[in-house]
Protein backbone atom coordinates (compact mmCIF):
# COMPACT_ATOMS: atom_id res chain seq x y z
CA VAL A 1 -14.07 -99.94 172.01
CA ILE A 2 -17.31 -100.22 174.03
CA THR A 3 -18.63 -102.85 171.61
CA ASN A 4 -15.39 -104.81 171.97
CA PHE A 5 -15.68 -104.76 175.76
CA PHE A 6 -19.35 -105.79 175.64
CA PHE A 7 -18.88 -108.81 173.38
CA SER A 8 -15.71 -109.85 175.21
CA PHE A 9 -17.66 -109.73 178.47
CA VAL A 10 -20.59 -111.74 177.05
CA PHE A 11 -18.36 -114.39 175.48
CA GLY A 12 -16.27 -114.60 178.62
CA TRP A 13 -19.29 -115.21 180.86
CA GLU A 14 -20.62 -117.79 178.42
CA CYS A 15 -17.29 -119.59 178.51
CA MET A 16 -17.18 -119.56 182.32
CA PHE A 17 -20.77 -120.81 182.72
CA LYS A 18 -20.22 -123.67 180.27
CA MET A 19 -17.02 -124.69 182.02
CA TYR A 20 -18.86 -124.61 185.36
CA ALA A 21 -21.73 -126.68 183.93
CA PHE A 22 -19.70 -129.26 182.03
CA TYR A 23 -16.50 -129.16 184.09
CA PRO A 24 -13.24 -128.30 182.26
CA ARG A 25 -12.39 -131.88 181.26
CA ARG A 26 -15.70 -132.43 179.46
CA TYR A 27 -15.81 -128.84 178.19
CA PHE A 28 -12.51 -129.13 176.30
CA ILE A 29 -13.49 -132.40 174.59
CA ASN A 30 -15.61 -130.42 172.13
CA GLY A 31 -13.62 -128.68 169.37
CA TRP A 32 -16.03 -125.74 169.18
CA ASN A 33 -15.60 -125.12 172.90
CA LYS A 34 -11.84 -124.99 172.40
CA PHE A 35 -12.40 -122.48 169.62
CA ASP A 36 -14.61 -120.33 171.90
CA PHE A 37 -12.02 -120.43 174.66
CA PHE A 38 -9.27 -119.35 172.25
CA ILE A 39 -11.33 -116.38 171.03
CA VAL A 40 -12.10 -115.28 174.60
CA MET A 41 -8.45 -115.48 175.67
CA VAL A 42 -7.26 -113.59 172.61
CA SER A 43 -9.87 -110.90 173.21
CA TYR A 44 -8.78 -110.45 176.83
CA VAL A 45 -5.10 -110.35 175.86
CA GLY A 46 -5.88 -107.64 173.33
CA ILE A 47 -7.78 -105.60 175.92
CA ALA A 48 -4.94 -105.99 178.42
CA VAL A 49 -2.32 -104.90 175.90
CA ASP A 50 -4.36 -101.87 174.83
CA ASN A 51 -5.05 -100.67 178.37
CA LEU A 52 -2.10 -101.80 180.46
CA GLY A 53 0.79 -101.81 178.00
CA ALA A 54 1.71 -98.14 178.36
CA ALA A 55 0.97 -98.08 182.09
CA ILE A 56 3.44 -100.83 183.03
CA GLY A 57 6.17 -99.59 180.70
CA ILE A 58 6.28 -102.32 178.04
CA ASN A 59 8.78 -101.66 175.25
CA PRO A 60 6.91 -99.93 172.36
CA THR A 61 8.25 -102.46 169.84
CA VAL A 62 7.01 -105.38 171.95
CA LEU A 63 3.72 -103.57 172.43
CA ARG A 64 3.20 -103.28 168.67
CA VAL A 65 3.90 -106.99 168.28
CA LEU A 66 1.43 -107.91 171.03
CA ARG A 67 -1.26 -105.79 169.41
CA VAL A 68 -1.27 -108.30 166.57
CA PHE A 69 -3.52 -110.37 168.82
CA ARG A 70 -6.32 -107.93 168.06
CA ILE A 71 -6.48 -109.33 164.55
CA PHE A 72 -7.88 -112.59 165.94
CA ARG A 73 -11.01 -110.80 167.11
CA ILE A 74 -12.38 -111.27 163.62
CA LEU A 75 -12.70 -114.98 164.45
CA ARG A 76 -15.77 -114.13 166.50
CA ALA A 77 -17.76 -114.13 163.27
CA PHE A 78 -17.06 -117.86 162.92
CA ARG A 79 -19.05 -118.62 166.05
CA ILE A 80 -22.11 -118.69 163.77
CA PHE A 81 -20.90 -122.10 162.60
CA LYS A 82 -21.89 -123.57 165.97
CA ALA A 83 -25.56 -122.92 165.31
CA ALA A 84 -25.59 -123.59 161.56
CA LYS A 85 -25.37 -127.33 160.96
CA GLY A 86 -25.15 -126.84 157.22
CA LEU A 87 -22.06 -124.66 157.59
CA GLN A 88 -20.52 -127.22 159.89
CA ALA A 89 -21.02 -129.85 157.21
CA ILE A 90 -19.32 -127.63 154.64
CA ILE A 91 -16.37 -126.99 156.96
CA ALA A 92 -16.06 -130.70 157.67
CA THR A 93 -16.08 -131.45 153.94
CA LEU A 94 -13.37 -128.89 153.32
CA GLY A 95 -11.31 -130.37 156.12
CA ASN A 96 -11.63 -133.86 154.64
CA SER A 97 -10.55 -132.60 151.21
CA LEU A 98 -7.34 -130.96 152.44
CA GLY A 99 -5.29 -134.00 151.46
CA ALA A 100 -6.55 -133.90 147.87
CA LEU A 101 -6.04 -130.12 147.76
CA ALA A 102 -2.44 -130.58 148.87
CA ASN A 103 -1.86 -132.93 145.92
CA LEU A 104 -3.47 -130.42 143.58
CA PHE A 105 -1.32 -127.55 144.85
CA GLY A 106 1.74 -129.77 144.57
CA MET A 107 0.97 -130.45 140.91
CA LEU A 108 0.39 -126.73 140.27
CA ALA A 109 3.71 -125.92 141.95
CA LEU A 110 5.45 -128.42 139.66
CA VAL A 111 3.83 -126.84 136.58
CA PHE A 112 4.90 -123.37 137.76
CA PHE A 113 8.44 -124.62 138.37
CA ILE A 114 8.69 -126.13 134.88
CA PHE A 115 7.49 -122.97 133.17
CA ALA A 116 9.72 -120.81 135.39
CA VAL A 117 12.72 -122.83 134.19
CA LEU A 118 11.60 -122.31 130.59
CA GLY A 119 11.07 -118.60 131.23
CA VAL A 120 14.56 -118.14 132.65
CA ALA A 121 16.08 -120.10 129.76
CA LEU A 122 14.14 -118.33 126.99
CA PHE A 123 13.50 -114.83 128.38
CA GLY A 124 16.17 -114.37 131.03
CA THR A 125 18.02 -111.82 128.88
CA LEU A 126 15.02 -109.53 128.26
CA CYS A 127 15.76 -106.01 129.42
CA ALA A 128 13.96 -104.56 132.42
CA ASP A 129 13.64 -100.99 133.65
CA GLY A 130 16.99 -99.82 134.97
CA ASP A 131 19.14 -102.31 133.04
CA GLU A 132 20.25 -99.52 130.72
CA GLY A 133 21.95 -97.97 133.74
CA GLN A 134 24.43 -100.81 134.27
CA ASP A 135 28.11 -100.00 134.37
CA GLY A 136 30.20 -99.58 131.25
CA LEU A 137 29.49 -101.61 128.15
CA ARG A 138 26.95 -103.77 130.01
CA ALA A 139 24.54 -100.86 129.55
CA VAL A 140 24.73 -101.00 125.74
CA ARG A 141 22.57 -104.09 125.24
CA CYS A 142 19.54 -102.58 126.93
CA MET A 143 20.06 -99.10 125.50
CA PHE A 144 18.97 -100.61 122.18
CA ALA A 145 15.62 -101.58 123.72
CA ASP A 146 12.61 -99.33 123.28
CA PRO A 147 11.90 -97.72 126.69
CA ASP A 148 8.22 -98.57 126.18
CA LEU A 149 9.05 -102.23 125.59
CA MET A 150 11.01 -103.09 128.71
CA LEU A 151 9.89 -105.36 131.50
CA GLU A 152 9.07 -104.01 134.92
CA GLY A 153 11.80 -104.63 137.44
CA ARG A 154 9.47 -106.88 139.49
CA ALA A 155 8.22 -108.90 136.50
CA THR A 156 11.18 -110.53 134.79
CA PHE A 157 12.71 -113.97 134.30
CA LYS A 158 16.21 -113.13 135.49
CA ASN A 159 16.13 -115.84 138.16
CA MET A 160 13.82 -118.56 139.43
CA GLY A 161 12.42 -116.58 142.33
CA ILE A 162 11.26 -113.55 140.37
CA GLY A 163 10.30 -115.87 137.50
CA LEU A 164 7.82 -117.72 139.73
CA LEU A 165 6.32 -114.43 140.87
CA THR A 166 6.03 -113.31 137.25
CA LEU A 167 4.23 -116.54 136.33
CA PHE A 168 1.80 -115.99 139.20
CA ARG A 169 1.12 -112.52 137.81
CA VAL A 170 0.46 -114.01 134.37
CA ALA A 171 -1.80 -116.70 135.86
CA THR A 172 -3.94 -114.04 137.57
CA GLY A 173 -4.22 -112.01 134.36
CA ASP A 174 -2.48 -108.96 135.85
CA ALA A 175 -1.12 -106.96 132.86
CA TRP A 176 0.12 -110.12 131.20
CA GLY A 177 -0.23 -108.39 127.82
CA ALA A 178 2.70 -106.11 128.65
CA LEU A 179 4.93 -109.16 129.16
CA LEU A 180 3.72 -110.62 125.87
CA ASP A 181 4.52 -107.42 123.97
CA VAL A 182 8.09 -107.40 125.28
CA ALA A 183 8.60 -111.11 124.58
CA GLN A 184 7.36 -110.65 120.99
CA THR A 185 9.73 -107.77 120.17
CA ALA A 186 11.46 -108.52 116.87
CA PRO A 187 14.25 -106.80 114.91
CA GLY A 188 12.97 -103.99 112.69
CA THR A 189 14.06 -102.95 109.21
CA ARG A 190 17.78 -102.19 109.06
CA GLU A 191 18.29 -98.99 107.09
CA VAL A 192 20.01 -95.62 107.31
CA LYS A 193 17.59 -92.82 106.51
CA ALA A 194 18.75 -89.58 104.97
CA GLU A 195 17.98 -87.52 108.07
CA ASP A 196 19.97 -89.91 110.24
CA TRP A 197 22.87 -89.75 107.81
CA ASP A 198 22.85 -85.96 107.90
CA LYS A 199 22.65 -86.01 111.71
CA ILE A 200 25.73 -88.25 111.90
CA ASN A 201 27.66 -85.91 109.61
CA GLY A 202 26.65 -83.01 111.81
CA LEU A 203 27.78 -84.72 115.02
CA LEU A 204 31.08 -85.78 113.46
CA GLY A 205 31.66 -82.42 111.77
CA ASP A 206 32.77 -84.33 108.68
CA ASP A 207 31.46 -86.68 106.02
CA VAL A 208 31.07 -90.12 107.54
CA ALA A 209 31.70 -91.74 104.16
CA SER A 210 35.19 -90.26 103.88
CA LEU A 211 35.95 -90.44 107.60
CA ALA A 212 34.78 -94.00 108.32
CA GLY A 213 34.49 -95.44 104.83
CA ILE A 214 30.78 -96.19 105.20
CA ASN A 215 28.41 -95.95 102.23
CA ARG A 216 24.78 -95.31 103.20
CA THR A 217 23.49 -97.71 100.54
CA ASP A 218 25.64 -100.66 101.61
CA ALA A 219 23.80 -103.62 103.08
CA ASP A 220 25.87 -103.52 106.27
CA ALA A 221 25.70 -99.72 106.61
CA PRO A 222 23.17 -99.80 109.50
CA PHE A 223 25.35 -102.12 111.56
CA GLN A 224 28.51 -100.12 110.79
CA ILE A 225 26.75 -96.88 111.73
CA ALA A 226 25.60 -98.50 115.00
CA LYS A 227 29.18 -99.54 115.77
CA LEU A 228 30.39 -96.01 115.06
CA ALA A 229 27.66 -94.54 117.29
CA ILE A 230 28.54 -96.89 120.18
CA ARG A 231 32.23 -96.01 119.88
CA GLN A 232 31.39 -92.31 120.04
CA TRP A 233 29.08 -92.85 123.02
CA ASN A 234 31.69 -94.92 124.85
CA ALA A 235 34.46 -92.41 124.13
CA SER A 236 32.36 -89.52 125.46
CA THR A 237 31.13 -91.30 128.62
CA PHE A 238 34.11 -93.48 129.54
CA GLY A 239 34.64 -93.58 133.31
CA MET A 240 31.45 -91.64 134.12
CA GLU A 241 29.41 -94.50 135.59
CA ALA A 242 29.14 -92.65 138.90
CA ASP A 243 27.40 -89.72 137.22
CA PRO A 244 23.76 -89.47 138.40
CA ASP A 245 22.64 -89.02 134.78
CA TRP A 246 24.37 -92.18 133.54
CA PRO A 247 24.25 -93.48 130.82
CA TYR A 248 23.75 -90.02 129.30
CA PRO A 249 25.77 -87.61 131.51
CA GLU A 250 25.16 -83.91 131.09
CA SER A 251 28.89 -83.44 130.67
CA ALA A 252 28.65 -85.57 127.50
CA PRO A 253 25.75 -83.81 125.73
CA ASN A 254 26.02 -85.81 122.52
CA SER A 255 26.00 -89.23 124.21
CA GLY A 256 22.22 -89.51 124.01
CA GLU A 257 22.23 -88.44 120.36
CA TRP A 258 24.70 -91.16 119.43
CA MET A 259 22.69 -93.93 121.06
CA SER A 260 19.51 -92.53 119.52
CA ILE A 261 21.10 -92.98 116.10
CA ALA A 262 22.15 -96.53 116.99
CA ARG A 263 18.57 -97.39 117.95
CA LYS A 264 17.19 -95.89 114.74
CA VAL A 265 19.46 -97.84 112.41
CA LEU A 266 18.98 -101.08 114.41
CA PRO A 267 15.34 -100.76 115.57
CA GLY A 268 13.39 -103.33 117.54
CA CYS A 269 15.90 -105.63 119.19
CA LEU A 270 19.34 -106.93 118.30
CA THR A 271 19.67 -110.26 116.56
CA ASP A 272 21.89 -112.91 118.14
CA GLN A 273 24.50 -112.37 115.44
CA GLU A 274 24.50 -108.60 115.90
CA ALA A 275 24.92 -108.98 119.65
CA LEU A 276 27.76 -111.47 119.15
CA ASP A 277 29.53 -109.22 116.64
CA LEU A 278 29.24 -106.18 118.91
CA GLU A 279 30.62 -108.15 121.84
CA GLN A 280 33.50 -109.50 119.75
CA ALA A 281 34.25 -105.94 118.63
CA GLY A 282 34.52 -104.88 122.27
CA LEU A 283 31.48 -102.59 122.02
CA MET A 284 29.08 -104.49 124.26
CA ASP A 285 29.16 -106.75 127.29
CA CYS A 286 26.40 -109.35 127.12
CA GLY A 287 26.69 -110.28 130.79
CA VAL A 288 23.25 -110.22 132.40
CA GLY A 289 24.15 -110.39 136.07
CA GLU A 290 22.77 -108.02 138.66
């Protein structure tokens, strides 16, 4: 605080003496003098707010806003440019190149926009954390996704806004590998293992072959088992979207087991045809809205 008062006093007296020597009209012709005057005024406003705000009963919210002026005190460091001709030349060069920089940033913005459009078109349906908690059958699509291979909620391509932010994250190299891993997820081997078959029989309390007419060695057995598992999950959780443990309510203890089986027989991600067939069968809603 004492240091702030000291430098504010010194800069203030300097400003006053120069204005007295050059007269205000000539003093304000120079851009650096304008800069000095701005710093001095901001410093005094900050001191006044800090010391008189509470005394005169200024609203606390307004007081917090006015204290933002204290941030401008850091501009005092730029006064060194007045004495350093080389730095002044650099600043002048930067100022003259602002037009070219604007064109460059415009081109970069166009490139970002193009790739954001592509991202939304190609990866807009990738599942993000929390998507498995959507209502009803809209939750099914993302329950097939590996929890370790889901996008972060703030790094997706669901819309243009968040897509642009995601591209900026990729451009800065911030955990871009995680996005790549999710985008490269591919369907795994479709098979029904013996332990999964036995688990299904145990959950059903009967032989799935006789009950549902599914043979474990059939080529479409994995998909048929997945359909059976989704039906069982839906039947046990229907109307429970408000449950805090959705999509696996505690009152439906086997719901998690059924979807675990569905993920095992259809590992990786769903193919377009599988997703279409499940939607046509009324077992999944492929809507991707919020």
